[in-house]
Amino acid sequence: MFEGATALSLDAKGRLAIPARHRESLLAAGEGSLVLTAHPHRCLLLYPAPVWQPIRDQILKASSLDPRSASIKRVLVGNARTDTPDSAGRILIAPELRDYAQFEKTVYLVGMGSHFEIWSEAGWRRQNDLATEALSGDLPPGFGDLIL
């Protein structure tokens, strides 16, 4: 289970070093293979390959004739790339994906249970601001009984 947010730096080649505390379990869950793809919210998603496969299959079942479904399929499946980290535990984030997610030097690796989201620094700040705003009104479905 992946959780927590970590600020990381991309190197000059666009590689991201997966923190040691997550590397072993991420690679074990992925059987050595990881999938990196874009998300419509302008972040990237990093999945162990076996976890991504049923999600991909579910996405591909959506209609290609419905413009909204087709757009979502294009972003999620069309940008998916399977990769294996190098010996230093780094993954290469392709220039197209870095551009899509508006990455600069600092990115945030955010554990979401079964996978990670990777956000630009500005994008992560925006998400935290949105969460603060969401808590100022009625809570979304499923959060009404939450006790922190």
C-alpha atoms as a PDB file:
ATOM      1  CA  MET A   1       0.000   0.000   0.000  1.00  0.00           C
ATOM      2  CA  PHE A   2       1.491   3.285  -1.123  1.00  0.00           C
ATOM      3  CA  GLU A   3       0.839   6.469   0.821  1.00  0.00           C
ATOM      4  CA  GLY A   4       2.465   9.771   1.599  1.00  0.00           C
ATOM      5  CA  ALA A   5       3.709  12.653  -0.540  1.00  0.00           C
ATOM      6  CA  THR A   6       7.393  13.129  -1.325  1.00  0.00           C
ATOM      7  CA  ALA A   7       9.027  16.044  -3.136  1.00  0.00           C
ATOM      8  CA  LEU A   8      11.560  14.753  -5.665  1.00  0.00           C
ATOM      9  CA  SER A   9      13.762  16.258  -8.340  1.00  0.00           C
ATOM     10  CA  LEU A  10      13.870  15.185 -11.959  1.00  0.00           C
ATOM     11  CA  ASP A  11      17.390  14.887 -13.300  1.00  0.00           C
ATOM     12  CA  ALA A  12      18.564  16.609 -16.496  1.00  0.00           C
ATOM     13  CA  LYS A  13      17.397  13.622 -18.586  1.00  0.00           C
ATOM     14  CA  GLY A  14      13.907  13.617 -17.059  1.00  0.00           C
ATOM     15  CA  ARG A  15      14.490  10.618 -14.821  1.00  0.00           C
ATOM     16  CA  LEU A  16      12.749  10.216 -11.492  1.00  0.00           C
ATOM     17  CA  ALA A  17      14.392   8.230  -8.690  1.00  0.00           C
ATOM     18  CA  ILE A  18      11.798   6.152  -6.870  1.00  0.00           C
ATOM     19  CA  PRO A  19      12.450   6.520  -3.125  1.00  0.00           C
ATOM     20  CA  ALA A  20      14.014   3.464  -1.525  1.00  0.00           C
ATOM     21  CA  ARG A  21      11.104   3.126   0.933  1.00  0.00           C
ATOM     22  CA  HIS A  22       8.736   2.419  -2.009  1.00  0.00           C
ATOM     23  CA  ARG A  23      11.050   0.878  -4.592  1.00  0.00           C
ATOM     24  CA  GLU A  24      11.104  -2.732  -3.411  1.00  0.00           C
ATOM     25  CA  SER A  25       7.345  -3.075  -2.860  1.00  0.00           C
ATOM     26  CA  LEU A  26       6.539  -1.220  -6.104  1.00  0.00           C
ATOM     27  CA  LEU A  27       8.810  -3.483  -8.129  1.00  0.00           C
ATOM     28  CA  ALA A  28       7.548  -6.604  -6.351  1.00  0.00           C
ATOM     29  CA  ALA A  29       3.924  -5.645  -7.047  1.00  0.00           C
ATOM     30  CA  GLY A  30       4.830  -4.896 -10.655  1.00  0.00           C
ATOM     31  CA  GLU A  31       6.900  -8.044 -11.119  1.00  0.00           C
ATOM     32  CA  GLY A  32       9.651  -5.642 -12.213  1.00  0.00           C
ATOM     33  CA  SER A  33       7.429  -3.800 -14.689  1.00  0.00           C
ATOM     34  CA  LEU A  34       5.756  -0.417 -14.159  1.00  0.00           C
ATOM     35  CA  VAL A  35       3.244   1.549 -16.213  1.00  0.00           C
ATOM     36  CA  LEU A  36       3.373   5.331 -16.396  1.00  0.00           C
ATOM     37  CA  THR A  37       0.481   7.215 -17.978  1.00  0.00           C
ATOM     38  CA  ALA A  38      -1.231  10.597 -18.045  1.00  0.00           C
ATOM     39  CA  HIS A  39      -4.348  11.455 -16.051  1.00  0.00           C
ATOM     40  CA  PRO A  40      -6.975  13.961 -17.262  1.00  0.00           C
ATOM     41  CA  HIS A  41      -6.242  16.113 -14.167  1.00  0.00           C
ATOM     42  CA  ARG A  42      -2.750  16.816 -15.617  1.00  0.00           C
ATOM     43  CA  CYS A  43      -0.787  14.564 -13.323  1.00  0.00           C
ATOM     44  CA  LEU A  44       0.854  11.246 -14.159  1.00  0.00           C
ATOM     45  CA  LEU A  45      -0.067   7.837 -12.754  1.00  0.00           C
ATOM     46  CA  LEU A  46       2.502   5.177 -11.883  1.00  0.00           C
ATOM     47  CA  TYR A  47       1.158   1.638 -11.529  1.00  0.00           C
ATOM     48  CA  PRO A  48       2.678  -1.780 -11.017  1.00  0.00           C
ATOM     49  CA  ALA A  49       1.921  -3.385 -14.411  1.00  0.00           C
ATOM     50  CA  PRO A  50      -0.371  -6.158 -13.048  1.00  0.00           C
ATOM     51  CA  VAL A  51      -2.456  -3.560 -11.186  1.00  0.00           C
ATOM     52  CA  TRP A  52      -2.776  -1.385 -14.316  1.00  0.00           C
ATOM     53  CA  GLN A  53      -3.939  -4.202 -16.633  1.00  0.00           C
ATOM     54  CA  PRO A  54      -7.513  -4.633 -15.284  1.00  0.00           C
ATOM     55  CA  ILE A  55      -7.921  -0.844 -15.145  1.00  0.00           C
ATOM     56  CA  ARG A  56      -6.780  -0.571 -18.756  1.00  0.00           C
ATOM     57  CA  ASP A  57      -9.169  -3.351 -19.761  1.00  0.00           C
ATOM     58  CA  GLN A  58     -12.055  -1.542 -18.057  1.00  0.00           C
ATOM     59  CA  ILE A  59     -11.172   1.749 -19.801  1.00  0.00           C
ATOM     60  CA  LEU A  60     -10.996   0.033 -23.187  1.00  0.00           C
ATOM     61  CA  LYS A  61     -14.558  -1.271 -22.776  1.00  0.00           C
ATOM     62  CA  ALA A  62     -15.891   2.299 -22.928  1.00  0.00           C
ATOM     63  CA  SER A  63     -17.407   3.490 -26.191  1.00  0.00           C
ATOM     64  CA  SER A  64     -15.056   5.009 -28.745  1.00  0.00           C
ATOM     65  CA  LEU A  65     -18.050   6.756 -30.345  1.00  0.00           C
ATOM     66  CA  ASP A  66     -18.878   8.840 -27.282  1.00  0.00           C
ATOM     67  CA  PRO A  67     -16.547  11.877 -27.477  1.00  0.00           C
ATOM     68  CA  ARG A  68     -15.990  12.093 -23.697  1.00  0.00           C
ATOM     69  CA  SER A  69     -15.212   8.386 -23.337  1.00  0.00           C
ATOM     70  CA  ALA A  70     -12.927   8.458 -26.356  1.00  0.00           C
ATOM     71  CA  SER A  71     -11.037  11.456 -24.964  1.00  0.00           C
ATOM     72  CA  ILE A  72     -10.494   9.773 -21.614  1.00  0.00           C
ATOM     73  CA  LYS A  73      -9.331   6.581 -23.338  1.00  0.00           C
ATOM     74  CA  ARG A  74      -6.858   8.563 -25.444  1.00  0.00           C
ATOM     75  CA  VAL A  75      -5.338  10.239 -22.405  1.00  0.00           C
ATOM     76  CA  LEU A  76      -5.156   7.198 -20.127  1.00  0.00           C
ATOM     77  CA  VAL A  77      -4.376   4.388 -22.560  1.00  0.00           C
ATOM     78  CA  GLY A  78      -2.831   6.404 -25.385  1.00  0.00           C
ATOM     79  CA  ASN A  79      -0.145   7.798 -23.079  1.00  0.00           C
ATOM     80  CA  ALA A  80       0.574   4.559 -21.202  1.00  0.00           C
ATOM     81  CA  ARG A  81       4.174   3.387 -21.267  1.00  0.00           C
ATOM     82  CA  THR A  82       5.526   0.212 -19.718  1.00  0.00           C
ATOM     83  CA  ASP A  83       9.014   0.505 -18.304  1.00  0.00           C
ATOM     84  CA  THR A  84      11.487  -1.090 -15.953  1.00  0.00           C
ATOM     85  CA  PRO A  85      13.470   1.094 -13.564  1.00  0.00           C
ATOM     86  CA  ASP A  86      17.210   1.255 -14.169  1.00  0.00           C
ATOM     87  CA  SER A  87      19.757  -0.161 -11.705  1.00  0.00           C
ATOM     88  CA  ALA A  88      19.574   3.074  -9.659  1.00  0.00           C
ATOM     89  CA  GLY A  89      15.769   2.772  -9.311  1.00  0.00           C
ATOM     90  CA  ARG A  90      15.011   5.587 -11.761  1.00  0.00           C
ATOM     91  CA  ILE A  91      12.278   5.732 -14.365  1.00  0.00           C
ATOM     92  CA  LEU A  92      12.477   7.903 -17.433  1.00  0.00           C
ATOM     93  CA  ILE A  93       9.549  10.246 -17.860  1.00  0.00           C
ATOM     94  CA  ALA A  94       9.197  10.889 -21.584  1.00  0.00           C
ATOM     95  CA  PRO A  95       9.289  14.537 -22.699  1.00  0.00           C
ATOM     96  CA  GLU A  96       5.676  14.310 -23.903  1.00  0.00           C
ATOM     97  CA  LEU A  97       4.486  13.230 -20.464  1.00  0.00           C
ATOM     98  CA  ARG A  98       6.628  15.837 -18.694  1.00  0.00           C
ATOM     99  CA  ASP A  99       5.102  18.482 -20.955  1.00  0.00           C
ATOM    100  CA  TYR A 100       1.548  17.185 -20.428  1.00  0.00           C
ATOM    101  CA  ALA A 101       1.911  17.289 -16.630  1.00  0.00           C
ATOM    102  CA  GLN A 102       3.772  20.631 -16.768  1.00  0.00           C
ATOM    103  CA  PHE A 103       6.766  19.262 -14.884  1.00  0.00           C
ATOM    104  CA  GLU A 104       9.727  21.398 -14.072  1.00  0.00           C
ATOM    105  CA  LYS A 105      12.500  20.373 -11.687  1.00  0.00           C
ATOM    106  CA  THR A 106      10.485  19.445  -8.582  1.00  0.00           C
ATOM    107  CA  VAL A 107       7.651  16.916  -8.678  1.00  0.00           C
ATOM    108  CA  TYR A 108       5.582  15.234  -5.966  1.00  0.00           C
ATOM    109  CA  LEU A 109       5.218  11.465  -5.757  1.00  0.00           C
ATOM    110  CA  VAL A 110       1.899  10.867  -3.976  1.00  0.00           C
ATOM    111  CA  GLY A 111       0.892   7.418  -2.756  1.00  0.00           C
ATOM    112  CA  MET A 112      -2.713   6.530  -3.547  1.00  0.00           C
ATOM    113  CA  GLY A 113      -2.911   3.010  -2.162  1.00  0.00           C
ATOM    114  CA  SER A 114      -2.429   0.794  -5.220  1.00  0.00           C
ATOM    115  CA  HIS A 115      -0.461   3.323  -7.274  1.00  0.00           C
ATOM    116  CA  PHE A 116       1.190   6.737  -7.275  1.00  0.00           C
ATOM    117  CA  GLU A 117       0.210  10.081  -8.710  1.00  0.00           C
ATOM    118  CA  ILE A 118       3.062  12.324  -9.837  1.00  0.00           C
ATOM    119  CA  TRP A 119       2.299  16.044  -9.734  1.00  0.00           C
ATOM    120  CA  SER A 120       4.140  19.182 -10.725  1.00  0.00           C
ATOM    121  CA  GLU A 121       4.934  21.401  -7.772  1.00  0.00           C
ATOM    122  CA  ALA A 122       2.269  23.938  -8.829  1.00  0.00           C
ATOM    123  CA  GLY A 123      -0.246  21.159  -9.518  1.00  0.00           C
ATOM    124  CA  TRP A 124       0.269  19.621  -6.078  1.00  0.00           C
ATOM    125  CA  ARG A 125      -0.228  23.006  -4.410  1.00  0.00           C
ATOM    126  CA  ARG A 126      -3.440  23.452  -6.424  1.00  0.00           C
ATOM    127  CA  GLN A 127      -4.717  20.030  -5.316  1.00  0.00           C
ATOM    128  CA  ASN A 128      -4.124  20.879  -1.675  1.00  0.00           C
ATOM    129  CA  ASP A 129      -5.962  24.178  -2.130  1.00  0.00           C
ATOM    130  CA  LEU A 130      -8.881  22.350  -3.758  1.00  0.00           C
ATOM    131  CA  ALA A 131      -9.019  19.908  -0.841  1.00  0.00           C
ATOM    132  CA  THR A 132      -9.159  22.795   1.628  1.00  0.00           C
ATOM    133  CA  GLU A 133     -12.004  24.367  -0.338  1.00  0.00           C
ATOM    134  CA  ALA A 134     -13.858  21.044  -0.500  1.00  0.00           C
ATOM    135  CA  LEU A 135     -13.800  20.800   3.296  1.00  0.00           C
ATOM    136  CA  SER A 136     -15.395  24.215   3.727  1.00  0.00           C
ATOM    137  CA  GLY A 137     -18.830  23.036   2.505  1.00  0.00           C
ATOM    138  CA  ASP A 138     -20.761  19.795   2.480  1.00  0.00           C
ATOM    139  CA  LEU A 139     -18.495  16.786   2.343  1.00  0.00           C
ATOM    140  CA  PRO A 140     -18.457  14.658  -0.814  1.00  0.00           C
ATOM    141  CA  PRO A 141     -20.266  11.291  -0.782  1.00  0.00           C
ATOM    142  CA  GLY A 142     -18.453   8.703   1.318  1.00  0.00           C
ATOM    143  CA  PHE A 143     -16.795  11.246   3.638  1.00  0.00           C
ATOM    144  CA  GLY A 144     -19.766  12.169   5.838  1.00  0.00           C
ATOM    145  CA  ASP A 145     -18.963   9.619   8.549  1.00  0.00           C
ATOM    146  CA  LEU A 146     -15.186  10.053   8.417  1.00  0.00           C
ATOM    147  CA  ILE A 147     -13.567  10.613  11.793  1.00  0.00           C
ATOM    148  CA  LEU A 148     -10.045  12.016  11.800  1.00  0.00           C
END
